[in-house]
C-alpha atoms as a PDB file:
ATOM      1  CA  UNK A   1       0.000   0.000   0.000  1.00  0.00           C
ATOM      2  CA  UNK A   2       1.060   3.580  -0.654  1.00  0.00           C
ATOM      3  CA  UNK A   3      -0.477   6.921   0.280  1.00  0.00           C
ATOM      4  CA  UNK A   4       0.555  10.426  -0.779  1.00  0.00           C
ATOM      5  CA  UNK A   5      -0.666  13.019   1.685  1.00  0.00           C
ATOM      6  CA  UNK A   6      -0.297  16.699   2.438  1.00  0.00           C
ATOM      7  CA  UNK A   7       0.906  17.733   5.891  1.00  0.00           C
ATOM      8  CA  UNK A   8      -2.524  18.910   7.029  1.00  0.00           C
ATOM      9  CA  UNK A   9      -4.052  15.606   5.923  1.00  0.00           C
ATOM     10  CA  UNK A  10      -1.485  13.715   7.993  1.00  0.00           C
ATOM     11  CA  UNK A  11      -2.371  15.856  11.001  1.00  0.00           C
ATOM     12  CA  UNK A  12      -6.094  15.345  10.383  1.00  0.00           C
ATOM     13  CA  UNK A  13      -5.666  11.554  10.238  1.00  0.00           C
ATOM     14  CA  UNK A  14      -3.628  11.586  13.433  1.00  0.00           C
ATOM     15  CA  UNK A  15      -6.454  13.372  15.239  1.00  0.00           C
ATOM     16  CA  UNK A  16      -9.057  10.951  13.877  1.00  0.00           C
ATOM     17  CA  UNK A  17      -6.967   7.985  15.032  1.00  0.00           C
ATOM     18  CA  UNK A  18      -6.213   9.537  18.447  1.00  0.00           C
ATOM     19  CA  UNK A  19      -2.533   9.084  17.726  1.00  0.00           C
ATOM     20  CA  UNK A  20      -0.012   9.001  20.563  1.00  0.00           C
ATOM     21  CA  UNK A  21       2.341  11.360  18.756  1.00  0.00           C
ATOM     22  CA  UNK A  22       3.308  12.934  15.437  1.00  0.00           C
ATOM     23  CA  UNK A  23       6.882  13.939  14.713  1.00  0.00           C
ATOM     24  CA  UNK A  24       7.189  17.718  14.894  1.00  0.00           C
ATOM     25  CA  UNK A  25       8.747  17.857  11.415  1.00  0.00           C
ATOM     26  CA  UNK A  26       5.308  17.183   9.926  1.00  0.00           C
ATOM     27  CA  UNK A  27       3.621  19.805  12.092  1.00  0.00           C
ATOM     28  CA  UNK A  28       6.286  22.426  11.353  1.00  0.00           C
ATOM     29  CA  UNK A  29       5.789  21.902   7.599  1.00  0.00           C
ATOM     30  CA  UNK A  30       2.018  22.449   7.805  1.00  0.00           C
ATOM     31  CA  UNK A  31       0.508  25.646   6.426  1.00  0.00           C
ATOM     32  CA  UNK A  32      -1.188  27.992   8.874  1.00  0.00           C
ATOM     33  CA  UNK A  33      -4.654  26.575   9.551  1.00  0.00           C
ATOM     34  CA  UNK A  34      -5.961  28.525  12.539  1.00  0.00           C
ATOM     35  CA  UNK A  35      -7.680  31.186  10.425  1.00  0.00           C
ATOM     36  CA  UNK A  36      -9.319  28.722   8.012  1.00  0.00           C
ATOM     37  CA  UNK A  37      -9.632  25.572  10.128  1.00  0.00           C
ATOM     38  CA  UNK A  38     -13.169  24.627   9.055  1.00  0.00           C
ATOM     39  CA  UNK A  39     -12.397  25.113   5.355  1.00  0.00           C
ATOM     40  CA  UNK A  40      -9.116  23.205   5.546  1.00  0.00           C
ATOM     41  CA  UNK A  41     -10.712  20.325   7.453  1.00  0.00           C
ATOM     42  CA  UNK A  42     -13.378  20.083   4.749  1.00  0.00           C
ATOM     43  CA  UNK A  43     -10.690  20.070   2.056  1.00  0.00           C
ATOM     44  CA  UNK A  44      -8.803  17.349   3.954  1.00  0.00           C
ATOM     45  CA  UNK A  45     -11.920  15.206   4.263  1.00  0.00           C
ATOM     46  CA  UNK A  46     -12.587  15.452   0.524  1.00  0.00           C
ATOM     47  CA  UNK A  47      -8.966  14.675  -0.394  1.00  0.00           C
ATOM     48  CA  UNK A  48      -8.743  11.735   2.012  1.00  0.00           C
ATOM     49  CA  UNK A  49     -12.027  10.283   0.791  1.00  0.00           C
ATOM     50  CA  UNK A  50     -10.821  10.587  -2.788  1.00  0.00           C
ATOM     51  CA  UNK A  51      -7.562   8.734  -2.081  1.00  0.00           C
ATOM     52  CA  UNK A  52      -9.376   6.024  -0.122  1.00  0.00           C
ATOM     53  CA  UNK A  53      -7.986   6.782   3.332  1.00  0.00           C
ATOM     54  CA  UNK A  54     -11.401   7.559   4.839  1.00  0.00           C
ATOM     55  CA  UNK A  55     -14.948   6.413   4.108  1.00  0.00           C
ATOM     56  CA  UNK A  56     -18.457   7.333   5.095  1.00  0.00           C
ATOM     57  CA  UNK A  57     -20.223   4.986   7.504  1.00  0.00           C
ATOM     58  CA  UNK A  58     -23.951   4.232   7.677  1.00  0.00           C
ATOM     59  CA  UNK A  59     -24.521   7.313   9.831  1.00  0.00           C
ATOM     60  CA  UNK A  60     -22.922   9.566   7.234  1.00  0.00           C
ATOM     61  CA  UNK A  61     -19.785  10.096   9.330  1.00  0.00           C
ATOM     62  CA  UNK A  62     -16.293   9.902   7.933  1.00  0.00           C
ATOM     63  CA  UNK A  63     -14.086   7.231   9.494  1.00  0.00           C
ATOM     64  CA  UNK A  64     -10.540   6.128   8.714  1.00  0.00           C
ATOM     65  CA  UNK A  65     -10.569   2.944   6.660  1.00  0.00           C
ATOM     66  CA  UNK A  66      -9.165   0.002   8.680  1.00  0.00           C
ATOM     67  CA  UNK A  67      -6.454  -0.762   6.119  1.00  0.00           C
ATOM     68  CA  UNK A  68      -5.315   2.875   6.112  1.00  0.00           C
ATOM     69  CA  UNK A  69      -5.312   2.984   9.910  1.00  0.00           C
ATOM     70  CA  UNK A  70      -3.184  -0.180  10.092  1.00  0.00           C
ATOM     71  CA  UNK A  71      -0.857   1.092   7.365  1.00  0.00           C
ATOM     72  CA  UNK A  72      -0.194   4.406   9.151  1.00  0.00           C
ATOM     73  CA  UNK A  73      -0.069   2.940  12.659  1.00  0.00           C
ATOM     74  CA  UNK A  74       3.772   3.143  12.953  1.00  0.00           C
ATOM     75  CA  UNK A  75       3.558   6.882  12.196  1.00  0.00           C
ATOM     76  CA  UNK A  76       1.272   7.667  15.130  1.00  0.00           C
ATOM     77  CA  UNK A  77       2.006   4.828  17.558  1.00  0.00           C
ATOM     78  CA  UNK A  78       5.569   3.731  16.760  1.00  0.00           C
ATOM     79  CA  UNK A  79       8.499   3.457  19.172  1.00  0.00           C
ATOM     80  CA  UNK A  80      11.384   4.504  16.898  1.00  0.00           C
ATOM     81  CA  UNK A  81      11.889   7.158  14.224  1.00  0.00           C
ATOM     82  CA  UNK A  82      14.810   8.071  12.032  1.00  0.00           C
ATOM     83  CA  UNK A  83      15.426  10.711   9.414  1.00  0.00           C
ATOM     84  CA  UNK A  84      17.706  11.268   6.413  1.00  0.00           C
ATOM     85  CA  UNK A  85      18.331  14.628   4.757  1.00  0.00           C
ATOM     86  CA  UNK A  86      20.800  14.925   1.893  1.00  0.00           C
ATOM     87  CA  UNK A  87      21.712  18.134   0.067  1.00  0.00           C
ATOM     88  CA  UNK A  88      23.806  18.510  -3.071  1.00  0.00           C
ATOM     89  CA  UNK A  89      25.753  21.724  -2.499  1.00  0.00           C
ATOM     90  CA  UNK A  90      26.110  22.460  -6.230  1.00  0.00           C
ATOM     91  CA  UNK A  91      22.502  22.026  -7.339  1.00  0.00           C
ATOM     92  CA  UNK A  92      20.915  22.556  -3.893  1.00  0.00           C
ATOM     93  CA  UNK A  93      18.726  19.531  -4.565  1.00  0.00           C
ATOM     94  CA  UNK A  94      17.379  18.022  -1.355  1.00  0.00           C
ATOM     95  CA  UNK A  95      16.333  14.479  -0.505  1.00  0.00           C
ATOM     96  CA  UNK A  96      14.333  13.927   2.665  1.00  0.00           C
ATOM     97  CA  UNK A  97      13.152  10.611   4.131  1.00  0.00           C
ATOM     98  CA  UNK A  98      11.677   9.646   7.485  1.00  0.00           C
ATOM     99  CA  UNK A  99      11.247   6.128   8.868  1.00  0.00           C
ATOM    100  CA  UNK A 100       8.791   4.992  11.547  1.00  0.00           C
ATOM    101  CA  UNK A 101       8.941   1.655  13.383  1.00  0.00           C
ATOM    102  CA  UNK A 102       6.346  -0.072  15.510  1.00  0.00           C
ATOM    103  CA  UNK A 103       7.189  -3.236  17.428  1.00  0.00           C
ATOM    104  CA  UNK A 104       4.458  -5.878  17.285  1.00  0.00           C
ATOM    105  CA  UNK A 105       4.078  -9.507  18.362  1.00  0.00           C
ATOM    106  CA  UNK A 106       5.074 -10.483  14.819  1.00  0.00           C
ATOM    107  CA  UNK A 107       8.176  -8.296  14.844  1.00  0.00           C
ATOM    108  CA  UNK A 108       8.932  -4.756  13.682  1.00  0.00           C
ATOM    109  CA  UNK A 109       6.637  -2.974  11.230  1.00  0.00           C
ATOM    110  CA  UNK A 110       8.180  -0.143   9.233  1.00  0.00           C
ATOM    111  CA  UNK A 111       6.689   2.792   7.379  1.00  0.00           C
ATOM    112  CA  UNK A 112       8.851   4.984   5.130  1.00  0.00           C
ATOM    113  CA  UNK A 113       7.983   8.598   4.301  1.00  0.00           C
ATOM    114  CA  UNK A 114       9.477  10.249   1.212  1.00  0.00           C
ATOM    115  CA  UNK A 115       9.072  14.032   1.363  1.00  0.00           C
ATOM    116  CA  UNK A 116       8.390  15.930  -1.842  1.00  0.00           C
ATOM    117  CA  UNK A 117       7.662  19.598  -1.241  1.00  0.00           C
ATOM    118  CA  UNK A 118       4.187  19.914   0.277  1.00  0.00           C
ATOM    119  CA  UNK A 119       3.404  16.198   0.129  1.00  0.00           C
ATOM    120  CA  UNK A 120       4.746  12.990   1.670  1.00  0.00           C
ATOM    121  CA  UNK A 121       4.574   9.576   0.017  1.00  0.00           C
ATOM    122  CA  UNK A 122       4.194   6.766   2.547  1.00  0.00           C
ATOM    123  CA  UNK A 123       5.118   3.187   1.706  1.00  0.00           C
ATOM    124  CA  UNK A 124       5.727  -0.050   3.575  1.00  0.00           C
ATOM    125  CA  UNK A 125       7.675  -1.600   0.667  1.00  0.00           C
ATOM    126  CA  UNK A 126      11.022  -1.407   2.448  1.00  0.00           C
ATOM    127  CA  UNK A 127      12.833  -3.476  -0.182  1.00  0.00           C
ATOM    128  CA  UNK A 128      12.009  -0.814  -2.752  1.00  0.00           C
ATOM    129  CA  UNK A 129      12.946   1.931  -0.298  1.00  0.00           C
ATOM    130  CA  UNK A 130      16.280   0.291   0.412  1.00  0.00           C
ATOM    131  CA  UNK A 131      17.084   0.232  -3.300  1.00  0.00           C
ATOM    132  CA  UNK A 132      16.559   4.007  -3.347  1.00  0.00           C
ATOM    133  CA  UNK A 133      18.703   4.516  -0.247  1.00  0.00           C
ATOM    134  CA  UNK A 134      21.681   2.443  -1.381  1.00  0.00           C
ATOM    135  CA  UNK A 135      23.156   5.108  -3.718  1.00  0.00           C
ATOM    136  CA  UNK A 136      22.502   7.840  -1.147  1.00  0.00           C
ATOM    137  CA  UNK A 137      24.429   5.938   1.526  1.00  0.00           C
ATOM    138  CA  UNK A 138      27.344   4.857  -0.641  1.00  0.00           C
ATOM    139  CA  UNK A 139      30.333   4.355   1.662  1.00  0.00           C
ATOM    140  CA  UNK A 140      32.769   6.594  -0.202  1.00  0.00           C
ATOM    141  CA  UNK A 141      35.979   5.812  -2.048  1.00  0.00           C
ATOM    142  CA  UNK A 142      38.338   5.779   0.919  1.00  0.00           C
ATOM    143  CA  UNK A 143      39.030   6.855   4.462  1.00  0.00           C
ATOM    144  CA  UNK A 144      40.047  10.401   3.530  1.00  0.00           C
ATOM    145  CA  UNK A 145      42.877  12.467   4.975  1.00  0.00           C
ATOM    146  CA  UNK A 146      42.939  15.122   7.640  1.00  0.00           C
ATOM    147  CA  UNK A 147      41.699  18.442   6.236  1.00  0.00           C
ATOM    148  CA  UNK A 148      41.362  21.886   7.770  1.00  0.00           C
ATOM    149  CA  UNK A 149      37.947  23.498   8.231  1.00  0.00           C
ATOM    150  CA  UNK A 150      38.644  25.800   5.280  1.00  0.00           C
ATOM    151  CA  UNK A 151      39.555  22.879   3.030  1.00  0.00           C
ATOM    152  CA  UNK A 152      36.445  20.993   4.086  1.00  0.00           C
ATOM    153  CA  UNK A 153      34.165  23.986   3.474  1.00  0.00           C
ATOM    154  CA  UNK A 154      35.586  24.710   0.032  1.00  0.00           C
ATOM    155  CA  UNK A 155      35.281  21.139  -1.228  1.00  0.00           C
ATOM    156  CA  UNK A 156      31.991  19.812   0.192  1.00  0.00           C
ATOM    157  CA  UNK A 157      29.854  18.244  -2.529  1.00  0.00           C
ATOM    158  CA  UNK A 158      27.115  16.753  -0.330  1.00  0.00           C
ATOM    159  CA  UNK A 159      25.849  17.229   3.204  1.00  0.00           C
ATOM    160  CA  UNK A 160      24.108  14.271   4.869  1.00  0.00           C
ATOM    161  CA  UNK A 161      22.178  14.615   8.124  1.00  0.00           C
ATOM    162  CA  UNK A 162      21.021  11.470   9.914  1.00  0.00           C
ATOM    163  CA  UNK A 163      18.830  11.606  13.001  1.00  0.00           C
ATOM    164  CA  UNK A 164      17.013   9.105  15.184  1.00  0.00           C
ATOM    165  CA  UNK A 165      14.709   9.176  18.176  1.00  0.00           C
ATOM    166  CA  UNK A 166      13.315   6.346  20.274  1.00  0.00           C
ATOM    167  CA  UNK A 167      10.437   6.490  22.716  1.00  0.00           C
ATOM    168  CA  UNK A 168      12.677   6.748  25.803  1.00  0.00           C
ATOM    169  CA  UNK A 169      15.858   8.482  24.691  1.00  0.00           C
ATOM    170  CA  UNK A 170      17.367  11.682  23.419  1.00  0.00           C
ATOM    171  CA  UNK A 171      17.755  12.212  19.673  1.00  0.00           C
ATOM    172  CA  UNK A 172      21.045  11.271  18.049  1.00  0.00           C
ATOM    173  CA  UNK A 173      22.153  13.525  15.192  1.00  0.00           C
ATOM    174  CA  UNK A 174      25.126  12.843  12.911  1.00  0.00           C
ATOM    175  CA  UNK A 175      26.336  15.281  10.250  1.00  0.00           C
ATOM    176  CA  UNK A 176      28.424  13.914   7.376  1.00  0.00           C
ATOM    177  CA  UNK A 177      30.126  15.843   4.569  1.00  0.00           C
ATOM    178  CA  UNK A 178      31.297  14.360   1.281  1.00  0.00           C
ATOM    179  CA  UNK A 179      34.679  15.753   0.225  1.00  0.00           C
ATOM    180  CA  UNK A 180      36.569  14.355  -2.773  1.00  0.00           C
ATOM    181  CA  UNK A 181      34.591  11.137  -2.640  1.00  0.00           C
ATOM    182  CA  UNK A 182      35.160  10.566   1.106  1.00  0.00           C
ATOM    183  CA  UNK A 183      32.814  11.083   4.041  1.00  0.00           C
ATOM    184  CA  UNK A 184      33.765  13.297   6.974  1.00  0.00           C
ATOM    185  CA  UNK A 185      31.842  13.437  10.239  1.00  0.00           C
ATOM    186  CA  UNK A 186      31.421  16.589  12.300  1.00  0.00           C
ATOM    187  CA  UNK A 187      32.092  15.531  15.901  1.00  0.00           C
ATOM    188  CA  UNK A 188      30.887  17.095  19.160  1.00  0.00           C
ATOM    189  CA  UNK A 189      33.924  19.360  19.376  1.00  0.00           C
ATOM    190  CA  UNK A 190      33.263  20.424  15.742  1.00  0.00           C
ATOM    191  CA  UNK A 191      36.302  18.569  14.436  1.00  0.00           C
ATOM    192  CA  UNK A 192      35.973  17.023  10.973  1.00  0.00           C
ATOM    193  CA  UNK A 193      36.832  13.339  11.226  1.00  0.00           C
ATOM    194  CA  UNK A 194      37.416  11.224   8.097  1.00  0.00           C
ATOM    195  CA  UNK A 195      35.149   8.162   8.264  1.00  0.00           C
ATOM    196  CA  UNK A 196      36.379   4.823   6.841  1.00  0.00           C
ATOM    197  CA  UNK A 197      33.907   3.357   4.309  1.00  0.00           C
ATOM    198  CA  UNK A 198      32.966   0.287   6.353  1.00  0.00           C
ATOM    199  CA  UNK A 199      32.447   2.359   9.499  1.00  0.00           C
ATOM    200  CA  UNK A 200      30.212   4.781   7.604  1.00  0.00           C
ATOM    201  CA  UNK A 201      28.132   1.940   6.185  1.00  0.00           C
ATOM    202  CA  UNK A 202      27.622   0.337   9.587  1.00  0.00           C
ATOM    203  CA  UNK A 203      26.932   3.576  11.426  1.00  0.00           C
ATOM    204  CA  UNK A 204      24.524   5.058   8.864  1.00  0.00           C
ATOM    205  CA  UNK A 205      22.416   1.934   8.357  1.00  0.00           C
ATOM    206  CA  UNK A 206      22.316   1.120  12.084  1.00  0.00           C
ATOM    207  CA  UNK A 207      21.065   4.598  12.893  1.00  0.00           C
ATOM    208  CA  UNK A 208      18.320   4.531  10.257  1.00  0.00           C
ATOM    209  CA  UNK A 209      17.163   1.009  11.049  1.00  0.00           C
ATOM    210  CA  UNK A 210      17.371   1.033  14.819  1.00  0.00           C
ATOM    211  CA  UNK A 211      19.966  -1.720  15.068  1.00  0.00           C
ATOM    212  CA  UNK A 212      18.807  -5.334  15.188  1.00  0.00           C
ATOM    213  CA  UNK A 213      15.155  -4.454  14.635  1.00  0.00           C
ATOM    214  CA  UNK A 214      15.798  -2.981  11.199  1.00  0.00           C
ATOM    215  CA  UNK A 215      13.824  -3.768   8.086  1.00  0.00           C
ATOM    216  CA  UNK A 216      16.617  -5.623   6.292  1.00  0.00           C
ATOM    217  CA  UNK A 217      20.170  -6.900   6.660  1.00  0.00           C
ATOM    218  CA  UNK A 218      22.150  -4.639   4.319  1.00  0.00           C
ATOM    219  CA  UNK A 219      24.775  -4.230   7.030  1.00  0.00           C
END
């Protein structure tokens, strides 16, 4: 299943499902709704009915379809979230993904969110998602050499931000910079550390997938 939704539609569904939480990134990207709340809610209802996320019951009330509710459950009730943001410094193209995990009796359930301007495409086809992520998380051509801040700044081709958050802990944020085909990590003391390819691969995939409860075994 896949759903493409606007931010306000995501928020509307979360309210209808009495969700436990919604990552603030979605709320921050919403347009201002306080002045036109009734109109926007009506627009959301029409859009969600059209895409099959909600349906009208026998009383004429709109309810979230069971398959849509189950599909989006990790978004509103999950225990682990991670995020990937990649920017090409030459073209200023941006790639933005978020990942939501819910632990169940049958194991982890994952939902991936691909951001595209004002909309987000949700999918649970993690094999397809992984194929898209592989070139973004390429390990680099080598370990790199020590470079000064000025050298790093002048030669950055890509900036990669990885972030995760579990239900009980503080967020972990890692900033990587691609310089001459090698990844560098900005450490807590703002030093730029060259990252060996295998270390980058392990660290990046572990962060996105939440360790042993990930969606696949690429690492």
